[in-house]
Amino acid sequence: MNVELLSNLYTGFYLILSGLLITMIIYRVVNCATGSDRKKWSSLPKYLKVLKVLLGISAICILIGLPFEAWIASGVKMITPFYARALLYGSLGVLMILELVKITSVSEKTVSKNLRQIFMSVYIFILIWQGFNFMKSAISTYSYPDVADCELIHWPVKDTWFVGHGGGTEHLNYHFVADQQRYAIDILKIGENESYYENQGGEITDFYTFNEPVYAPVNGKVVKVVDSLPNADITFAPNNRENPAGNYIVIQYDTNRWLFLAHLNKGKVRVEKGDRVISGDLIGFAGNSGNTSWPHLHLHIQNQPKLNASGAKGIPFRFKMAEVKRWGNFERQSDFYPLRNDLIKPLR
């Protein structure tokens, strides 16, 4: 397996879903054009009115949450081409608008045939589930502790990097379910091709992240270094439970504050236990060691020095200053929190 194959699978899936949505759009347009056999709201049975209300609520939720899902929450945004994403989310948006336009009426056949009512019920419950998820995407975008409750640190890499996991909810950050890593981030370097890998993405050297320099995000003392573990091969099912962080560095920078940088390249750590570092010092190079699918840099802060210690709590953090691209263009931001799919680069 390689990332290019995964990209092709998701692209094909997006195109199939888009085809289904476009078919439904055509069906709705034809129905609107031949609306003489449609039952109006006043003559609808009560259960169909309930379904229509649920449909309307779901459509509104989907339309509100759609840009957040497409730009921020999508877990495959960086491996699916823009045209496939635009076609899918655009088709869904058009379909929801059409559903709202015809919200107060139902075709005569739907009223009179049980099978159509079953299809309608299934369709609406799918939309309810989707609307719920899309609204979670919108809410999750703004769900993060205030600046006063966060540690402020420096961005640890140069050039442009992409946030694979980041945010203050499980919806945007799979680390959130682990108390010790609740606000952890995973980041990957982006190349000139606007992707995080080249070729087929089947070798660790295909990834721009691999062997990229990593810099200390804080002033502090190095209290733990692991530098002897091998880099793993590319896999979609990592299972290294013995050494999940691979090669990593722990820096204590304040009372009850320990910062972890993980999945570093073997033999490339540039500090030793007991060293004092200043923010911006070169401390190592990114790799693919530990429990990881492909090269990336993991960062989190705990209130205890031992990795994933029982009872340890993940500490929220923000970055002091960088250029961030979340919606349209890169913008200079201070004291910001990274979200999934953000592109971030240090100030020049």
C-alpha atoms as a PDB file:
ATOM      1  CA  MET A   1       0.000   0.000   0.000  1.00  0.00           C
ATOM      2  CA  ASN A   2       1.032   3.588  -0.593  1.00  0.00           C
ATOM      3  CA  VAL A   3      -0.566   6.989  -0.122  1.00  0.00           C
ATOM      4  CA  GLU A   4      -1.155   7.451  -3.850  1.00  0.00           C
ATOM      5  CA  LEU A   5      -3.351   4.337  -3.895  1.00  0.00           C
ATOM      6  CA  LEU A   6      -5.250   5.631  -0.869  1.00  0.00           C
ATOM      7  CA  SER A   7      -5.702   8.946  -2.677  1.00  0.00           C
ATOM      8  CA  ASN A   8      -7.102   7.192  -5.749  1.00  0.00           C
ATOM      9  CA  LEU A   9      -9.522   5.158  -3.630  1.00  0.00           C
ATOM     10  CA  TYR A  10     -10.893   8.228  -1.871  1.00  0.00           C
ATOM     11  CA  THR A  11     -11.082  10.182  -5.122  1.00  0.00           C
ATOM     12  CA  GLY A  12     -13.082   7.375  -6.731  1.00  0.00           C
ATOM     13  CA  PHE A  13     -15.363   7.208  -3.694  1.00  0.00           C
ATOM     14  CA  TYR A  14     -15.945  10.967  -3.841  1.00  0.00           C
ATOM     15  CA  LEU A  15     -16.801  10.786  -7.541  1.00  0.00           C
ATOM     16  CA  ILE A  16     -19.268   7.925  -6.990  1.00  0.00           C
ATOM     17  CA  LEU A  17     -20.999   9.848  -4.191  1.00  0.00           C
ATOM     18  CA  SER A  18     -21.057  12.951  -6.384  1.00  0.00           C
ATOM     19  CA  GLY A  19     -22.715  10.944  -9.154  1.00  0.00           C
ATOM     20  CA  LEU A  20     -25.431   9.785  -6.751  1.00  0.00           C
ATOM     21  CA  LEU A  21     -26.007  13.331  -5.518  1.00  0.00           C
ATOM     22  CA  ILE A  22     -26.187  14.724  -9.055  1.00  0.00           C
ATOM     23  CA  THR A  23     -28.712  12.009  -9.964  1.00  0.00           C
ATOM     24  CA  MET A  24     -30.832  13.075  -6.991  1.00  0.00           C
ATOM     25  CA  ILE A  25     -30.517  16.729  -8.022  1.00  0.00           C
ATOM     26  CA  ILE A  26     -31.790  15.904 -11.508  1.00  0.00           C
ATOM     27  CA  TYR A  27     -34.660  13.934  -9.972  1.00  0.00           C
ATOM     28  CA  ARG A  28     -35.579  16.865  -7.722  1.00  0.00           C
ATOM     29  CA  VAL A  29     -35.423  19.360 -10.608  1.00  0.00           C
ATOM     30  CA  VAL A  30     -37.689  17.169 -12.747  1.00  0.00           C
ATOM     31  CA  ASN A  31     -40.096  16.861  -9.825  1.00  0.00           C
ATOM     32  CA  CYS A  32     -40.123  20.632  -9.394  1.00  0.00           C
ATOM     33  CA  ALA A  33     -40.818  21.115 -13.096  1.00  0.00           C
ATOM     34  CA  THR A  34     -43.768  18.691 -13.007  1.00  0.00           C
ATOM     35  CA  GLY A  35     -45.215  19.624  -9.649  1.00  0.00           C
ATOM     36  CA  SER A  36     -48.898  19.237 -10.465  1.00  0.00           C
ATOM     37  CA  ASP A  37     -49.138  15.875  -8.686  1.00  0.00           C
ATOM     38  CA  ARG A  38     -47.615  17.126  -5.441  1.00  0.00           C
ATOM     39  CA  LYS A  39     -49.432  17.237  -2.120  1.00  0.00           C
ATOM     40  CA  LYS A  40     -49.260  20.545  -0.273  1.00  0.00           C
ATOM     41  CA  TRP A  41     -48.410  20.911   3.415  1.00  0.00           C
ATOM     42  CA  SER A  42     -51.995  21.235   4.635  1.00  0.00           C
ATOM     43  CA  SER A  43     -52.983  17.881   3.143  1.00  0.00           C
ATOM     44  CA  LEU A  44     -49.954  15.871   4.274  1.00  0.00           C
ATOM     45  CA  PRO A  45     -50.302  13.116   6.892  1.00  0.00           C
ATOM     46  CA  LYS A  46     -48.778  14.003  10.256  1.00  0.00           C
ATOM     47  CA  TYR A  47     -45.877  11.546  10.008  1.00  0.00           C
ATOM     48  CA  LEU A  48     -44.826  13.032   6.651  1.00  0.00           C
ATOM     49  CA  LYS A  49     -44.931  16.501   8.180  1.00  0.00           C
ATOM     50  CA  VAL A  50     -42.602  15.284  10.938  1.00  0.00           C
ATOM     51  CA  LEU A  51     -40.232  13.805   8.358  1.00  0.00           C
ATOM     52  CA  LYS A  52     -40.285  17.039   6.378  1.00  0.00           C
ATOM     53  CA  VAL A  53     -39.469  19.100   9.475  1.00  0.00           C
ATOM     54  CA  LEU A  54     -36.551  16.782  10.226  1.00  0.00           C
ATOM     55  CA  LEU A  55     -35.445  17.075   6.607  1.00  0.00           C
ATOM     56  CA  GLY A  56     -35.511  20.862   6.794  1.00  0.00           C
ATOM     57  CA  ILE A  57     -33.525  20.970  10.035  1.00  0.00           C
ATOM     58  CA  SER A  58     -30.970  18.527   8.635  1.00  0.00           C
ATOM     59  CA  ALA A  59     -30.593  20.487   5.394  1.00  0.00           C
ATOM     60  CA  ILE A  60     -30.002  23.733   7.296  1.00  0.00           C
ATOM     61  CA  CYS A  61     -27.428  22.049   9.559  1.00  0.00           C
ATOM     62  CA  ILE A  62     -25.618  20.591   6.551  1.00  0.00           C
ATOM     63  CA  LEU A  63     -25.522  23.952   4.772  1.00  0.00           C
ATOM     64  CA  ILE A  64     -24.194  25.705   7.886  1.00  0.00           C
ATOM     65  CA  GLY A  65     -21.576  23.064   8.599  1.00  0.00           C
ATOM     66  CA  LEU A  66     -20.583  22.293   5.008  1.00  0.00           C
ATOM     67  CA  PRO A  67     -17.692  24.798   4.681  1.00  0.00           C
ATOM     68  CA  PHE A  68     -16.291  23.699   8.049  1.00  0.00           C
ATOM     69  CA  GLU A  69     -16.470  20.039   7.025  1.00  0.00           C
ATOM     70  CA  ALA A  70     -14.905  20.694   3.622  1.00  0.00           C
ATOM     71  CA  TRP A  71     -12.093  23.032   4.714  1.00  0.00           C
ATOM     72  CA  ILE A  72     -11.301  21.950   8.272  1.00  0.00           C
ATOM     73  CA  ALA A  73     -12.739  18.636   9.461  1.00  0.00           C
ATOM     74  CA  SER A  74     -12.140  16.449   6.408  1.00  0.00           C
ATOM     75  CA  GLY A  75      -9.551  13.829   7.218  1.00  0.00           C
ATOM     76  CA  VAL A  76      -8.602  13.280   3.571  1.00  0.00           C
ATOM     77  CA  LYS A  77      -8.501  16.845   2.252  1.00  0.00           C
ATOM     78  CA  MET A  78      -4.790  16.716   1.477  1.00  0.00           C
ATOM     79  CA  ILE A  79      -4.969  13.451  -0.489  1.00  0.00           C
ATOM     80  CA  THR A  80      -8.047  14.202  -2.594  1.00  0.00           C
ATOM     81  CA  PRO A  81      -7.919  16.609  -5.561  1.00  0.00           C
ATOM     82  CA  PHE A  82      -9.783  19.886  -5.370  1.00  0.00           C
ATOM     83  CA  TYR A  83     -12.147  19.012  -8.240  1.00  0.00           C
ATOM     84  CA  ALA A  84     -13.366  15.862  -6.445  1.00  0.00           C
ATOM     85  CA  ARG A  85     -13.993  17.736  -3.195  1.00  0.00           C
ATOM     86  CA  ALA A  86     -15.649  20.672  -4.977  1.00  0.00           C
ATOM     87  CA  LEU A  87     -17.925  18.328  -6.915  1.00  0.00           C
ATOM     88  CA  LEU A  88     -18.953  16.375  -3.822  1.00  0.00           C
ATOM     89  CA  TYR A  89     -19.580  19.263  -1.444  1.00  0.00           C
ATOM     90  CA  GLY A  90     -21.025  21.475  -4.182  1.00  0.00           C
ATOM     91  CA  SER A  91     -23.510  18.772  -5.205  1.00  0.00           C
ATOM     92  CA  LEU A  92     -24.502  18.210  -1.596  1.00  0.00           C
ATOM     93  CA  GLY A  93     -25.070  21.933  -1.083  1.00  0.00           C
ATOM     94  CA  VAL A  94     -27.241  22.236  -4.209  1.00  0.00           C
ATOM     95  CA  LEU A  95     -29.295  19.201  -3.179  1.00  0.00           C
ATOM     96  CA  MET A  96     -29.928  20.633   0.284  1.00  0.00           C
ATOM     97  CA  ILE A  97     -31.070  23.947  -1.217  1.00  0.00           C
ATOM     98  CA  LEU A  98     -33.499  22.095  -3.479  1.00  0.00           C
ATOM     99  CA  GLU A  99     -34.831  20.144  -0.494  1.00  0.00           C
ATOM    100  CA  LEU A 100     -35.544  23.406   1.315  1.00  0.00           C
ATOM    101  CA  VAL A 101     -37.240  24.884  -1.757  1.00  0.00           C
ATOM    102  CA  LYS A 102     -39.702  21.957  -1.839  1.00  0.00           C
ATOM    103  CA  ILE A 103     -39.918  21.472   1.916  1.00  0.00           C
ATOM    104  CA  THR A 104     -43.684  22.065   2.155  1.00  0.00           C
ATOM    105  CA  SER A 105     -44.811  19.481  -0.391  1.00  0.00           C
ATOM    106  CA  VAL A 106     -44.488  15.774  -1.189  1.00  0.00           C
ATOM    107  CA  SER A 107     -45.216  13.869  -4.384  1.00  0.00           C
ATOM    108  CA  GLU A 108     -48.514  12.014  -4.654  1.00  0.00           C
ATOM    109  CA  LYS A 109     -46.637   8.728  -5.131  1.00  0.00           C
ATOM    110  CA  THR A 110     -44.766   9.177  -1.844  1.00  0.00           C
ATOM    111  CA  VAL A 111     -48.031   9.740   0.022  1.00  0.00           C
ATOM    112  CA  SER A 112     -49.678   6.678  -1.508  1.00  0.00           C
ATOM    113  CA  LYS A 113     -46.821   4.138  -1.609  1.00  0.00           C
ATOM    114  CA  ASN A 114     -45.255   2.622   1.515  1.00  0.00           C
ATOM    115  CA  LEU A 115     -41.969   1.717  -0.199  1.00  0.00           C
ATOM    116  CA  ARG A 116     -41.363   5.347  -1.132  1.00  0.00           C
ATOM    117  CA  GLN A 117     -42.073   6.387   2.433  1.00  0.00           C
ATOM    118  CA  ILE A 118     -39.482   3.887   3.666  1.00  0.00           C
ATOM    119  CA  PHE A 119     -36.899   5.260   1.222  1.00  0.00           C
ATOM    120  CA  MET A 120     -37.748   8.791   2.300  1.00  0.00           C
ATOM    121  CA  SER A 121     -37.363   7.867   5.982  1.00  0.00           C
ATOM    122  CA  VAL A 122     -33.964   6.236   5.420  1.00  0.00           C
ATOM    123  CA  TYR A 123     -32.807   9.207   3.336  1.00  0.00           C
ATOM    124  CA  ILE A 124     -33.850  11.696   6.019  1.00  0.00           C
ATOM    125  CA  PHE A 125     -32.193   9.768   8.838  1.00  0.00           C
ATOM    126  CA  ILE A 126     -28.965   9.687   6.822  1.00  0.00           C
ATOM    127  CA  LEU A 127     -29.244  13.468   6.475  1.00  0.00           C
ATOM    128  CA  ILE A 128     -29.900  13.832  10.214  1.00  0.00           C
ATOM    129  CA  TRP A 129     -26.693  11.932  10.958  1.00  0.00           C
ATOM    130  CA  GLN A 130     -24.768  13.952   8.383  1.00  0.00           C
ATOM    131  CA  GLY A 131     -26.197  17.240   9.631  1.00  0.00           C
ATOM    132  CA  PHE A 132     -25.152  16.340  13.168  1.00  0.00           C
ATOM    133  CA  ASN A 133     -21.581  15.626  12.011  1.00  0.00           C
ATOM    134  CA  PHE A 134     -21.381  18.813   9.945  1.00  0.00           C
ATOM    135  CA  MET A 135     -22.529  20.904  12.886  1.00  0.00           C
ATOM    136  CA  LYS A 136     -19.892  19.218  15.039  1.00  0.00           C
ATOM    137  CA  SER A 137     -17.342  20.385  12.468  1.00  0.00           C
ATOM    138  CA  ALA A 138     -18.555  23.967  12.830  1.00  0.00           C
ATOM    139  CA  ILE A 139     -18.652  23.899  16.628  1.00  0.00           C
ATOM    140  CA  SER A 140     -15.284  22.120  16.905  1.00  0.00           C
ATOM    141  CA  THR A 141     -13.585  24.884  14.928  1.00  0.00           C
ATOM    142  CA  TYR A 142     -14.123  27.275  17.834  1.00  0.00           C
ATOM    143  CA  SER A 143     -13.831  24.805  20.730  1.00  0.00           C
ATOM    144  CA  TYR A 144     -10.455  25.428  22.318  1.00  0.00           C
ATOM    145  CA  PRO A 145      -9.293  26.796  25.695  1.00  0.00           C
ATOM    146  CA  ASP A 146      -8.748  30.551  25.951  1.00  0.00           C
ATOM    147  CA  VAL A 147      -5.274  32.056  25.649  1.00  0.00           C
ATOM    148  CA  ALA A 148      -5.109  32.559  29.419  1.00  0.00           C
ATOM    149  CA  ASP A 149      -5.509  28.796  29.911  1.00  0.00           C
ATOM    150  CA  CYS A 150      -2.876  27.789  27.341  1.00  0.00           C
ATOM    151  CA  GLU A 151       0.896  27.446  27.260  1.00  0.00           C
ATOM    152  CA  LEU A 152       2.485  29.749  24.661  1.00  0.00           C
ATOM    153  CA  ILE A 153       5.276  28.142  22.643  1.00  0.00           C
ATOM    154  CA  HIS A 154       7.155  28.683  19.381  1.00  0.00           C
ATOM    155  CA  TRP A 155       6.532  26.871  16.087  1.00  0.00           C
ATOM    156  CA  PRO A 156       9.111  24.018  15.991  1.00  0.00           C
ATOM    157  CA  VAL A 157       9.887  23.765  12.249  1.00  0.00           C
ATOM    158  CA  LYS A 158      10.679  25.855   9.185  1.00  0.00           C
ATOM    159  CA  ASP A 159       8.963  26.086   5.781  1.00  0.00           C
ATOM    160  CA  THR A 160       5.261  25.216   5.321  1.00  0.00           C
ATOM    161  CA  TRP A 161       3.689  22.389   7.317  1.00  0.00           C
ATOM    162  CA  PHE A 162       0.229  20.854   7.334  1.00  0.00           C
ATOM    163  CA  VAL A 163      -1.711  19.928  10.476  1.00  0.00           C
ATOM    164  CA  GLY A 164      -2.927  16.336  10.225  1.00  0.00           C
ATOM    165  CA  HIS A 165      -4.485  16.286  13.682  1.00  0.00           C
ATOM    166  CA  GLY A 166      -5.088  19.327  15.843  1.00  0.00           C
ATOM    167  CA  GLY A 167      -7.820  21.041  17.793  1.00  0.00           C
ATOM    168  CA  GLY A 168      -9.710  20.868  21.040  1.00  0.00           C
ATOM    169  CA  THR A 169     -12.263  18.148  20.247  1.00  0.00           C
ATOM    170  CA  GLU A 170     -12.214  14.480  19.281  1.00  0.00           C
ATOM    171  CA  HIS A 171     -13.946  15.423  16.032  1.00  0.00           C
ATOM    172  CA  LEU A 172     -10.814  17.199  14.767  1.00  0.00           C
ATOM    173  CA  ASN A 173      -8.109  15.540  16.828  1.00  0.00           C
ATOM    174  CA  TYR A 174      -8.003  11.814  17.495  1.00  0.00           C
ATOM    175  CA  HIS A 175      -5.504  12.382  20.331  1.00  0.00           C
ATOM    176  CA  PHE A 176      -8.245  14.095  22.335  1.00  0.00           C
ATOM    177  CA  VAL A 177      -9.564  10.816  23.777  1.00  0.00           C
ATOM    178  CA  ALA A 178      -6.227  10.196  25.547  1.00  0.00           C
ATOM    179  CA  ASP A 179      -6.002  12.381  28.652  1.00  0.00           C
ATOM    180  CA  GLN A 180      -2.218  12.639  28.418  1.00  0.00           C
ATOM    181  CA  GLN A 181      -2.237  13.787  24.778  1.00  0.00           C
ATOM    182  CA  ARG A 182      -5.509  15.676  24.721  1.00  0.00           C
ATOM    183  CA  TYR A 183      -4.237  18.685  22.755  1.00  0.00           C
ATOM    184  CA  ALA A 184      -1.438  16.972  20.816  1.00  0.00           C
ATOM    185  CA  ILE A 185      -0.761  17.846  17.188  1.00  0.00           C
ATOM    186  CA  ASP A 186       0.646  15.868  14.264  1.00  0.00           C
ATOM    187  CA  ILE A 187       2.237  17.938  11.506  1.00  0.00           C
ATOM    188  CA  LEU A 188       3.710  17.142   8.077  1.00  0.00           C
ATOM    189  CA  LYS A 189       5.851  19.235   5.756  1.00  0.00           C
ATOM    190  CA  ILE A 190       4.334  20.389   2.457  1.00  0.00           C
ATOM    191  CA  GLY A 191       6.394  20.410  -0.743  1.00  0.00           C
ATOM    192  CA  GLU A 192       6.217  22.591  -3.837  1.00  0.00           C
ATOM    193  CA  ASN A 193       3.616  20.196  -5.280  1.00  0.00           C
ATOM    194  CA  GLU A 194       1.289  21.255  -2.407  1.00  0.00           C
ATOM    195  CA  SER A 195       1.303  17.711  -1.048  1.00  0.00           C
ATOM    196  CA  TYR A 196       3.137  16.109   1.855  1.00  0.00           C
ATOM    197  CA  TYR A 197       4.709  13.386  -0.302  1.00  0.00           C
ATOM    198  CA  GLU A 198       6.133  12.785  -3.765  1.00  0.00           C
ATOM    199  CA  ASN A 199       6.218   9.765  -6.079  1.00  0.00           C
ATOM    200  CA  GLN A 200       3.782   7.131  -4.777  1.00  0.00           C
ATOM    201  CA  GLY A 201       4.169   7.858  -1.079  1.00  0.00           C
ATOM    202  CA  GLY A 202       5.250   4.278  -0.460  1.00  0.00           C
ATOM    203  CA  GLU A 203       8.692   4.925   1.046  1.00  0.00           C
ATOM    204  CA  ILE A 204       9.565   7.064   4.051  1.00  0.00           C
ATOM    205  CA  THR A 205      11.932   9.081   1.852  1.00  0.00           C
ATOM    206  CA  ASP A 206       8.946  10.056  -0.340  1.00  0.00           C
ATOM    207  CA  PHE A 207       7.706  12.277   2.486  1.00  0.00           C
ATOM    208  CA  TYR A 208       8.949  15.846   2.760  1.00  0.00           C
ATOM    209  CA  THR A 209       8.798  15.556   6.554  1.00  0.00           C
ATOM    210  CA  PHE A 210      11.480  12.884   6.676  1.00  0.00           C
ATOM    211  CA  ASN A 211      14.791  14.152   8.072  1.00  0.00           C
ATOM    212  CA  GLU A 212      13.538  17.739   8.376  1.00  0.00           C
ATOM    213  CA  PRO A 213      15.166  19.724  11.216  1.00  0.00           C
ATOM    214  CA  VAL A 214      13.198  20.192  14.427  1.00  0.00           C
ATOM    215  CA  TYR A 215      13.815  23.153  16.735  1.00  0.00           C
ATOM    216  CA  ALA A 216      13.133  23.636  20.433  1.00  0.00           C
ATOM    217  CA  PRO A 217       9.750  25.358  20.916  1.00  0.00           C
ATOM    218  CA  VAL A 218      10.634  26.457  24.471  1.00  0.00           C
ATOM    219  CA  ASN A 219      13.524  27.340  26.764  1.00  0.00           C
ATOM    220  CA  GLY A 220      14.157  24.486  29.150  1.00  0.00           C
ATOM    221  CA  LYS A 221      16.063  21.405  30.241  1.00  0.00           C
ATOM    222  CA  VAL A 222      16.167  18.127  28.320  1.00  0.00           C
ATOM    223  CA  VAL A 223      15.060  15.416  30.758  1.00  0.00           C
ATOM    224  CA  LYS A 224      14.585  12.445  28.417  1.00  0.00           C
ATOM    225  CA  VAL A 225      16.054  11.360  25.078  1.00  0.00           C
ATOM    226  CA  VAL A 226      15.391   8.219  23.020  1.00  0.00           C
ATOM    227  CA  ASP A 227      17.455   8.016  19.826  1.00  0.00           C
ATOM    228  CA  SER A 228      18.068   4.338  18.970  1.00  0.00           C
ATOM    229  CA  LEU A 229      14.810   3.051  17.520  1.00  0.00           C
ATOM    230  CA  PRO A 230      14.544   2.282  13.782  1.00  0.00           C
ATOM    231  CA  ASN A 231      12.243   4.062  11.378  1.00  0.00           C
ATOM    232  CA  ALA A 232       9.150   2.059  10.484  1.00  0.00           C
ATOM    233  CA  ASP A 233       7.945   1.269   6.980  1.00  0.00           C
ATOM    234  CA  ILE A 234       4.863   2.960   5.556  1.00  0.00           C
ATOM    235  CA  THR A 235       1.741   1.237   6.867  1.00  0.00           C
ATOM    236  CA  PHE A 236      -1.952   1.996   7.303  1.00  0.00           C
ATOM    237  CA  ALA A 237      -2.147  -0.192  10.406  1.00  0.00           C
ATOM    238  CA  PRO A 238       0.687   0.796  12.776  1.00  0.00           C
ATOM    239  CA  ASN A 239       0.927  -1.454  15.818  1.00  0.00           C
ATOM    240  CA  ASN A 240       4.049  -0.542  17.783  1.00  0.00           C
ATOM    241  CA  ARG A 241       2.606  -0.641  21.292  1.00  0.00           C
ATOM    242  CA  GLU A 242       5.965  -1.049  23.043  1.00  0.00           C
ATOM    243  CA  ASN A 243       7.471   2.202  21.725  1.00  0.00           C
ATOM    244  CA  PRO A 244       4.562   4.342  20.490  1.00  0.00           C
ATOM    245  CA  ALA A 245       6.555   7.602  20.470  1.00  0.00           C
ATOM    246  CA  GLY A 246       9.586   6.070  18.768  1.00  0.00           C
ATOM    247  CA  ASN A 247      12.604   8.341  19.182  1.00  0.00           C
ATOM    248  CA  TYR A 248      11.589  11.355  21.236  1.00  0.00           C
ATOM    249  CA  ILE A 249      12.747  14.290  23.331  1.00  0.00           C
ATOM    250  CA  VAL A 250      11.196  15.610  26.554  1.00  0.00           C
ATOM    251  CA  ILE A 251      11.901  19.187  27.643  1.00  0.00           C
ATOM    252  CA  GLN A 252      10.904  20.523  31.054  1.00  0.00           C
ATOM    253  CA  TYR A 253      10.362  24.253  30.704  1.00  0.00           C
ATOM    254  CA  ASP A 254       8.308  25.098  33.803  1.00  0.00           C
ATOM    255  CA  THR A 255       6.980  23.586  37.008  1.00  0.00           C
ATOM    256  CA  ASN A 256       4.804  20.598  36.083  1.00  0.00           C
ATOM    257  CA  ARG A 257       5.238  21.259  32.368  1.00  0.00           C
ATOM    258  CA  TRP A 258       6.955  18.776  30.055  1.00  0.00           C
ATOM    259  CA  LEU A 259       6.962  19.110  26.273  1.00  0.00           C
ATOM    260  CA  PHE A 260       7.244  15.990  24.082  1.00  0.00           C
ATOM    261  CA  LEU A 261       8.484  15.816  20.463  1.00  0.00           C
ATOM    262  CA  ALA A 262       8.090  12.344  18.966  1.00  0.00           C
ATOM    263  CA  HIS A 263       8.725  10.080  15.928  1.00  0.00           C
ATOM    264  CA  LEU A 264      12.215  11.490  15.370  1.00  0.00           C
ATOM    265  CA  ASN A 265      14.805  10.055  12.992  1.00  0.00           C
ATOM    266  CA  LYS A 266      17.143   7.398  14.401  1.00  0.00           C
ATOM    267  CA  GLY A 267      20.551   8.704  15.407  1.00  0.00           C
ATOM    268  CA  LYS A 268      19.647  12.295  14.559  1.00  0.00           C
ATOM    269  CA  VAL A 269      18.804  13.730  17.977  1.00  0.00           C
ATOM    270  CA  ARG A 270      21.198  16.613  18.670  1.00  0.00           C
ATOM    271  CA  VAL A 271      20.733  16.974  22.436  1.00  0.00           C
ATOM    272  CA  GLU A 272      21.392  14.825  25.481  1.00  0.00           C
ATOM    273  CA  LYS A 273      19.686  14.413  28.808  1.00  0.00           C
ATOM    274  CA  GLY A 274      20.625  17.330  31.041  1.00  0.00           C
ATOM    275  CA  ASP A 275      21.239  19.804  28.213  1.00  0.00           C
ATOM    276  CA  ARG A 276      19.674  23.234  28.425  1.00  0.00           C
ATOM    277  CA  VAL A 277      18.040  24.477  25.247  1.00  0.00           C
ATOM    278  CA  ILE A 278      16.832  27.851  24.059  1.00  0.00           C
ATOM    279  CA  SER A 279      13.817  28.246  21.816  1.00  0.00           C
ATOM    280  CA  GLY A 280      15.021  27.904  18.235  1.00  0.00           C
ATOM    281  CA  ASP A 281      17.920  25.532  18.979  1.00  0.00           C
ATOM    282  CA  LEU A 282      18.246  22.580  16.611  1.00  0.00           C
ATOM    283  CA  ILE A 283      17.404  19.481  18.649  1.00  0.00           C
ATOM    284  CA  GLY A 284      16.762  16.720  16.112  1.00  0.00           C
ATOM    285  CA  PHE A 285      15.282  15.620  12.813  1.00  0.00           C
ATOM    286  CA  ALA A 286      11.827  14.270  11.987  1.00  0.00           C
ATOM    287  CA  GLY A 287      11.505  10.590  11.171  1.00  0.00           C
ATOM    288  CA  ASN A 288       9.091   7.683  11.200  1.00  0.00           C
ATOM    289  CA  SER A 289       9.974   5.816  14.381  1.00  0.00           C
ATOM    290  CA  GLY A 290       7.372   4.381  16.725  1.00  0.00           C
ATOM    291  CA  ASN A 291       3.664   3.778  16.230  1.00  0.00           C
ATOM    292  CA  THR A 292       3.173   5.772  13.042  1.00  0.00           C
ATOM    293  CA  SER A 293       1.773   5.342   9.546  1.00  0.00           C
ATOM    294  CA  TRP A 294       4.192   7.704   7.784  1.00  0.00           C
ATOM    295  CA  PRO A 295       6.682  10.459   8.691  1.00  0.00           C
ATOM    296  CA  HIS A 296       5.299  13.285  10.807  1.00  0.00           C
ATOM    297  CA  LEU A 297       6.188  15.281  13.900  1.00  0.00           C
ATOM    298  CA  HIS A 298       4.129  14.802  17.055  1.00  0.00           C
ATOM    299  CA  LEU A 299       4.043  17.451  19.800  1.00  0.00           C
ATOM    300  CA  HIS A 300       2.188  17.574  23.095  1.00  0.00           C
ATOM    301  CA  ILE A 301       2.572  18.919  26.633  1.00  0.00           C
ATOM    302  CA  GLN A 302       1.912  16.963  29.846  1.00  0.00           C
ATOM    303  CA  ASN A 303       1.874  17.784  33.544  1.00  0.00           C
ATOM    304  CA  GLN A 304       4.070  14.739  34.255  1.00  0.00           C
ATOM    305  CA  PRO A 305       7.489  13.756  32.819  1.00  0.00           C
ATOM    306  CA  LYS A 306       6.742  10.133  31.900  1.00  0.00           C
ATOM    307  CA  LEU A 307       5.202   9.546  28.489  1.00  0.00           C
ATOM    308  CA  ASN A 308       1.521   8.623  28.824  1.00  0.00           C
ATOM    309  CA  ALA A 309       1.856   8.280  32.600  1.00  0.00           C
ATOM    310  CA  SER A 310      -1.269   7.151  34.408  1.00  0.00           C
ATOM    311  CA  GLY A 311      -3.073  10.207  35.733  1.00  0.00           C
ATOM    312  CA  ALA A 312      -1.124  12.624  33.536  1.00  0.00           C
ATOM    313  CA  LYS A 313      -3.077  15.387  31.832  1.00  0.00           C
ATOM    314  CA  GLY A 314      -2.504  16.931  28.441  1.00  0.00           C
ATOM    315  CA  ILE A 315      -2.030  20.701  28.624  1.00  0.00           C
ATOM    316  CA  PRO A 316      -3.518  23.016  25.961  1.00  0.00           C
ATOM    317  CA  PHE A 317      -1.029  25.165  24.091  1.00  0.00           C
ATOM    318  CA  ARG A 318      -0.944  27.836  21.424  1.00  0.00           C
ATOM    319  CA  PHE A 319       1.813  29.141  19.201  1.00  0.00           C
ATOM    320  CA  LYS A 320       3.124  32.662  19.675  1.00  0.00           C
ATOM    321  CA  MET A 321       3.421  33.781  16.070  1.00  0.00           C
ATOM    322  CA  ALA A 322       3.276  32.342  12.542  1.00  0.00           C
ATOM    323  CA  GLU A 323       1.529  32.636   9.209  1.00  0.00           C
ATOM    324  CA  VAL A 324      -1.575  30.461   9.052  1.00  0.00           C
ATOM    325  CA  LYS A 325      -3.744  29.468   6.108  1.00  0.00           C
ATOM    326  CA  ARG A 326      -7.093  28.152   7.277  1.00  0.00           C
ATOM    327  CA  TRP A 327      -9.705  29.460   4.840  1.00  0.00           C
ATOM    328  CA  GLY A 328      -8.157  31.404   1.993  1.00  0.00           C
ATOM    329  CA  ASN A 329      -4.780  33.089   2.230  1.00  0.00           C
ATOM    330  CA  PHE A 330      -1.920  32.988   4.691  1.00  0.00           C
ATOM    331  CA  GLU A 331      -2.493  35.434   7.531  1.00  0.00           C
ATOM    332  CA  ARG A 332      -0.175  36.493  10.308  1.00  0.00           C
ATOM    333  CA  GLN A 333      -1.564  35.198  13.607  1.00  0.00           C
ATOM    334  CA  SER A 334      -0.430  35.371  17.202  1.00  0.00           C
ATOM    335  CA  ASP A 335      -1.359  33.128  20.124  1.00  0.00           C
ATOM    336  CA  PHE A 336      -3.186  30.790  17.737  1.00  0.00           C
ATOM    337  CA  TYR A 337      -4.222  27.167  18.095  1.00  0.00           C
ATOM    338  CA  PRO A 338      -3.694  24.795  15.139  1.00  0.00           C
ATOM    339  CA  LEU A 339      -6.612  22.950  13.585  1.00  0.00           C
ATOM    340  CA  ARG A 340      -6.725  20.005  11.232  1.00  0.00           C
ATOM    341  CA  ASN A 341      -5.855  21.011   7.649  1.00  0.00           C
ATOM    342  CA  ASP A 342      -4.221  24.301   8.659  1.00  0.00           C
ATOM    343  CA  LEU A 343      -1.130  25.241   6.663  1.00  0.00           C
ATOM    344  CA  ILE A 344       1.418  26.952   8.895  1.00  0.00           C
ATOM    345  CA  LYS A 345       4.792  28.544   8.268  1.00  0.00           C
ATOM    346  CA  PRO A 346       7.057  30.628  10.522  1.00  0.00           C
ATOM    347  CA  LEU A 347       7.383  34.347   9.975  1.00  0.00           C
ATOM    348  CA  ARG A 348      10.251  35.240   7.675  1.00  0.00           C
END
